[in-house]
């Protein structure tokens, strides 16, 4: 389920990145594929490093609560401001 969840959430990020200012970059061992996934362009520039693929399923199942719980569990982190990533 993690792989499917990852593709679904990354596609949602790509689509929402078209209408929002800023760059959102996903990288790390929990990101499917050999390269980082980049959405949008410009500032703010935030990188989300996914350390554990369980973060995708937790976010999809739990919404913002799942996102927060997976962050607390250390399954993902940011390079740059966490608030820029979430707002």
N, C-alpha and C. Protein backbone atom coordinates (compact mmCIF):
# COMPACT_ATOMS: atom_id res chain seq x y z
N UNK A 1 0.81 -1.20 0.00
CA UNK A 1 0.00 0.00 0.00
C UNK A 1 0.85 1.27 0.00
N UNK A 2 2.04 1.21 0.59
CA UNK A 2 2.88 2.41 0.68
C UNK A 2 3.24 2.96 -0.69
N UNK A 3 3.56 2.08 -1.62
CA UNK A 3 3.94 2.54 -2.95
C UNK A 3 2.77 3.23 -3.66
N UNK A 4 1.60 2.62 -3.58
CA UNK A 4 0.41 3.21 -4.18
C UNK A 4 0.07 4.53 -3.50
N UNK A 5 0.17 4.56 -2.18
CA UNK A 5 -0.08 5.79 -1.43
C UNK A 5 0.89 6.88 -1.85
N UNK A 6 2.15 6.51 -2.03
CA UNK A 6 3.17 7.48 -2.44
C UNK A 6 2.83 8.09 -3.79
N UNK A 7 2.50 7.24 -4.76
CA UNK A 7 2.17 7.76 -6.09
C UNK A 7 0.94 8.66 -6.06
N UNK A 8 -0.06 8.29 -5.29
CA UNK A 8 -1.26 9.10 -5.19
C UNK A 8 -0.97 10.46 -4.56
N UNK A 9 -0.27 10.47 -3.44
CA UNK A 9 0.04 11.74 -2.77
C UNK A 9 0.99 12.61 -3.58
N UNK A 10 1.95 11.99 -4.27
CA UNK A 10 2.86 12.77 -5.12
C UNK A 10 2.11 13.39 -6.29
N UNK A 11 1.16 12.67 -6.85
CA UNK A 11 0.35 13.23 -7.93
C UNK A 11 -0.50 14.39 -7.42
N UNK A 12 -1.07 14.26 -6.24
CA UNK A 12 -1.81 15.37 -5.64
C UNK A 12 -0.91 16.58 -5.42
N UNK A 13 0.31 16.35 -4.97
CA UNK A 13 1.27 17.45 -4.77
C UNK A 13 1.61 18.11 -6.10
N UNK A 14 1.80 17.31 -7.15
CA UNK A 14 2.09 17.88 -8.47
C UNK A 14 0.94 18.77 -8.94
N UNK A 15 -0.27 18.27 -8.81
CA UNK A 15 -1.43 19.03 -9.27
C UNK A 15 -1.63 20.31 -8.47
N UNK A 16 -1.48 20.24 -7.16
CA UNK A 16 -1.67 21.45 -6.35
C UNK A 16 -0.51 22.41 -6.54
N UNK A 17 0.66 21.91 -6.91
CA UNK A 17 1.83 22.77 -7.13
C UNK A 17 1.69 23.67 -8.34
N UNK A 18 0.79 23.32 -9.23
CA UNK A 18 0.58 24.15 -10.43
C UNK A 18 -0.03 25.50 -10.08
N UNK A 19 -0.85 25.52 -9.04
CA UNK A 19 -1.60 26.73 -8.69
C UNK A 19 -1.02 27.50 -7.51
N UNK A 20 0.04 26.99 -6.91
CA UNK A 20 0.60 27.61 -5.71
C UNK A 20 2.03 28.07 -5.97
N UNK A 21 2.43 29.20 -5.38
CA UNK A 21 3.83 29.60 -5.51
C UNK A 21 4.72 28.69 -4.66
N UNK A 22 5.95 28.53 -5.08
CA UNK A 22 6.92 27.76 -4.29
C UNK A 22 7.28 26.43 -4.92
N UNK A 23 8.38 25.90 -4.42
CA UNK A 23 8.90 24.61 -4.89
C UNK A 23 8.84 23.62 -3.74
N UNK A 24 8.30 22.46 -4.02
CA UNK A 24 8.23 21.38 -3.05
C UNK A 24 8.96 20.18 -3.63
N UNK A 25 10.00 19.75 -2.94
CA UNK A 25 10.85 18.66 -3.42
C UNK A 25 10.73 17.49 -2.44
N UNK A 26 10.47 16.30 -2.97
CA UNK A 26 10.41 15.08 -2.17
C UNK A 26 11.62 14.23 -2.50
N UNK A 27 12.36 13.80 -1.47
CA UNK A 27 13.52 12.95 -1.70
C UNK A 27 13.70 12.02 -0.51
N UNK A 28 14.62 11.10 -0.62
CA UNK A 28 14.91 10.16 0.46
C UNK A 28 14.57 8.74 0.08
N UNK A 29 14.90 7.83 0.95
CA UNK A 29 14.72 6.40 0.66
C UNK A 29 13.25 6.01 0.57
N UNK A 30 12.35 6.80 1.13
CA UNK A 30 10.92 6.50 1.08
C UNK A 30 10.21 7.00 -0.15
N UNK A 31 10.93 7.67 -1.05
CA UNK A 31 10.34 8.19 -2.29
C UNK A 31 10.55 7.16 -3.39
N UNK A 32 9.47 6.75 -4.06
CA UNK A 32 9.64 5.76 -5.13
C UNK A 32 10.40 6.35 -6.31
N UNK A 33 11.23 5.54 -6.92
CA UNK A 33 11.99 5.97 -8.08
C UNK A 33 13.39 6.43 -7.71
N UNK A 34 14.22 6.59 -8.73
CA UNK A 34 15.63 6.91 -8.49
C UNK A 34 15.93 8.39 -8.24
N UNK A 35 14.98 9.28 -8.55
CA UNK A 35 15.23 10.72 -8.43
C UNK A 35 14.23 11.40 -7.51
N UNK A 36 14.62 12.57 -7.01
CA UNK A 36 13.65 13.36 -6.24
C UNK A 36 12.46 13.76 -7.12
N UNK A 37 11.34 13.99 -6.49
CA UNK A 37 10.15 14.47 -7.19
C UNK A 37 10.00 15.94 -6.85
N UNK A 38 9.92 16.79 -7.88
CA UNK A 38 9.85 18.24 -7.68
C UNK A 38 8.54 18.76 -8.24
N UNK A 39 7.84 19.58 -7.45
CA UNK A 39 6.61 20.22 -7.91
C UNK A 39 6.75 21.72 -7.75
N UNK A 40 6.10 22.46 -8.64
CA UNK A 40 6.10 23.91 -8.55
C UNK A 40 7.43 24.53 -8.89
N UNK A 41 7.52 25.84 -8.63
CA UNK A 41 8.77 26.56 -8.86
C UNK A 41 8.75 27.86 -8.05
N UNK A 42 9.94 28.37 -7.79
CA UNK A 42 10.05 29.63 -7.07
C UNK A 42 10.18 29.44 -5.57
N UNK A 43 10.03 30.56 -4.86
CA UNK A 43 10.15 30.54 -3.40
C UNK A 43 8.77 30.50 -2.77
N UNK A 44 8.63 29.92 -1.60
CA UNK A 44 9.66 29.25 -0.81
C UNK A 44 10.02 27.89 -1.41
N UNK A 45 11.25 27.47 -1.15
CA UNK A 45 11.77 26.20 -1.65
C UNK A 45 11.93 25.27 -0.44
N UNK A 46 11.14 24.21 -0.41
CA UNK A 46 11.15 23.29 0.73
C UNK A 46 11.40 21.87 0.23
N UNK A 47 12.25 21.16 0.94
CA UNK A 47 12.51 19.76 0.63
C UNK A 47 11.95 18.90 1.75
N UNK A 48 11.15 17.91 1.37
CA UNK A 48 10.64 16.93 2.31
C UNK A 48 11.44 15.65 2.09
N UNK A 49 12.10 15.20 3.14
CA UNK A 49 12.92 13.99 3.07
C UNK A 49 12.12 12.86 3.73
N UNK A 50 11.73 11.89 2.91
CA UNK A 50 10.94 10.76 3.41
C UNK A 50 11.91 9.64 3.77
N UNK A 51 12.02 9.35 5.07
CA UNK A 51 12.93 8.33 5.57
C UNK A 51 12.31 6.94 5.58
N UNK A 52 10.99 6.89 5.65
CA UNK A 52 10.28 5.61 5.78
C UNK A 52 9.02 5.66 4.94
N UNK A 53 8.85 4.69 4.07
CA UNK A 53 7.71 4.71 3.16
C UNK A 53 6.36 4.58 3.89
N UNK A 54 6.36 4.20 5.16
CA UNK A 54 5.11 4.15 5.92
C UNK A 54 4.48 5.53 6.07
N UNK A 55 5.26 6.58 5.87
CA UNK A 55 4.73 7.94 5.98
C UNK A 55 3.60 8.18 4.97
N UNK A 56 3.72 7.60 3.79
CA UNK A 56 2.70 7.81 2.76
C UNK A 56 1.35 7.24 3.19
N UNK A 57 1.35 5.99 3.63
CA UNK A 57 0.10 5.34 4.05
C UNK A 57 -0.50 6.03 5.27
N UNK A 58 0.35 6.41 6.21
CA UNK A 58 -0.14 7.09 7.42
C UNK A 58 -0.82 8.40 7.05
N UNK A 59 -0.25 9.13 6.11
CA UNK A 59 -0.82 10.41 5.69
C UNK A 59 -2.13 10.19 4.94
N UNK A 60 -2.15 9.20 4.07
CA UNK A 60 -3.36 8.94 3.30
C UNK A 60 -4.50 8.46 4.20
N UNK A 61 -4.20 7.60 5.14
CA UNK A 61 -5.22 7.07 6.06
C UNK A 61 -5.66 8.11 7.09
N UNK A 62 -4.70 8.86 7.63
CA UNK A 62 -5.01 9.73 8.77
C UNK A 62 -5.11 11.20 8.47
N UNK A 63 -4.88 11.60 7.22
CA UNK A 63 -4.94 13.02 6.88
C UNK A 63 -3.89 13.81 7.65
N UNK A 64 -4.27 14.98 8.14
CA UNK A 64 -3.30 15.83 8.83
C UNK A 64 -2.79 15.17 10.12
N UNK A 65 -3.64 14.38 10.78
CA UNK A 65 -3.20 13.67 11.98
C UNK A 65 -2.15 12.62 11.61
N UNK A 66 -2.39 11.88 10.54
CA UNK A 66 -1.42 10.89 10.08
C UNK A 66 -0.11 11.53 9.65
N UNK A 67 -0.21 12.69 9.01
CA UNK A 67 0.98 13.44 8.62
C UNK A 67 1.79 13.83 9.85
N UNK A 68 1.10 14.37 10.86
CA UNK A 68 1.78 14.79 12.10
C UNK A 68 2.38 13.60 12.83
N UNK A 69 1.62 12.51 12.94
CA UNK A 69 2.14 11.33 13.64
C UNK A 69 3.34 10.73 12.93
N UNK A 70 3.33 10.72 11.60
CA UNK A 70 4.48 10.17 10.88
C UNK A 70 5.69 11.09 11.02
N UNK A 71 5.47 12.40 11.15
CA UNK A 71 6.57 13.33 11.39
C UNK A 71 7.17 13.08 12.77
N UNK A 72 6.31 12.94 13.79
CA UNK A 72 6.78 12.68 15.15
C UNK A 72 7.53 11.36 15.23
N UNK A 73 7.08 10.37 14.46
CA UNK A 73 7.74 9.06 14.44
C UNK A 73 9.09 9.10 13.72
N UNK A 74 9.38 10.23 13.04
CA UNK A 74 10.66 10.35 12.34
C UNK A 74 10.66 9.74 10.95
N UNK A 75 9.47 9.52 10.40
CA UNK A 75 9.38 8.91 9.07
C UNK A 75 9.64 9.91 7.96
N UNK A 76 9.54 11.19 8.25
CA UNK A 76 9.89 12.23 7.28
C UNK A 76 10.35 13.47 8.03
N UNK A 77 11.03 14.34 7.32
CA UNK A 77 11.56 15.57 7.89
C UNK A 77 11.62 16.61 6.77
N UNK A 78 11.97 17.83 7.11
CA UNK A 78 12.09 18.86 6.08
C UNK A 78 13.47 19.49 6.12
N UNK A 79 13.86 20.01 4.96
CA UNK A 79 15.02 20.89 4.85
C UNK A 79 14.40 22.23 4.49
N UNK A 80 14.51 23.18 5.39
CA UNK A 80 13.79 24.43 5.23
C UNK A 80 12.69 24.49 6.29
N UNK A 81 11.88 25.48 6.23
CA UNK A 81 10.86 25.70 7.25
C UNK A 81 9.72 24.70 7.13
N UNK A 82 9.41 24.05 8.24
CA UNK A 82 8.27 23.14 8.27
C UNK A 82 6.98 23.90 7.97
N UNK A 83 6.90 25.13 8.40
CA UNK A 83 5.69 25.93 8.16
C UNK A 83 5.53 26.26 6.70
N UNK A 84 6.62 26.48 6.00
CA UNK A 84 6.53 26.72 4.55
C UNK A 84 6.02 25.49 3.83
N UNK A 85 6.40 24.32 4.34
CA UNK A 85 5.97 23.07 3.72
C UNK A 85 4.48 22.82 3.92
N UNK A 86 3.96 23.22 5.06
CA UNK A 86 2.57 22.89 5.40
C UNK A 86 1.58 23.99 5.07
N UNK A 87 2.03 25.20 4.85
CA UNK A 87 1.09 26.31 4.59
C UNK A 87 0.97 26.63 3.12
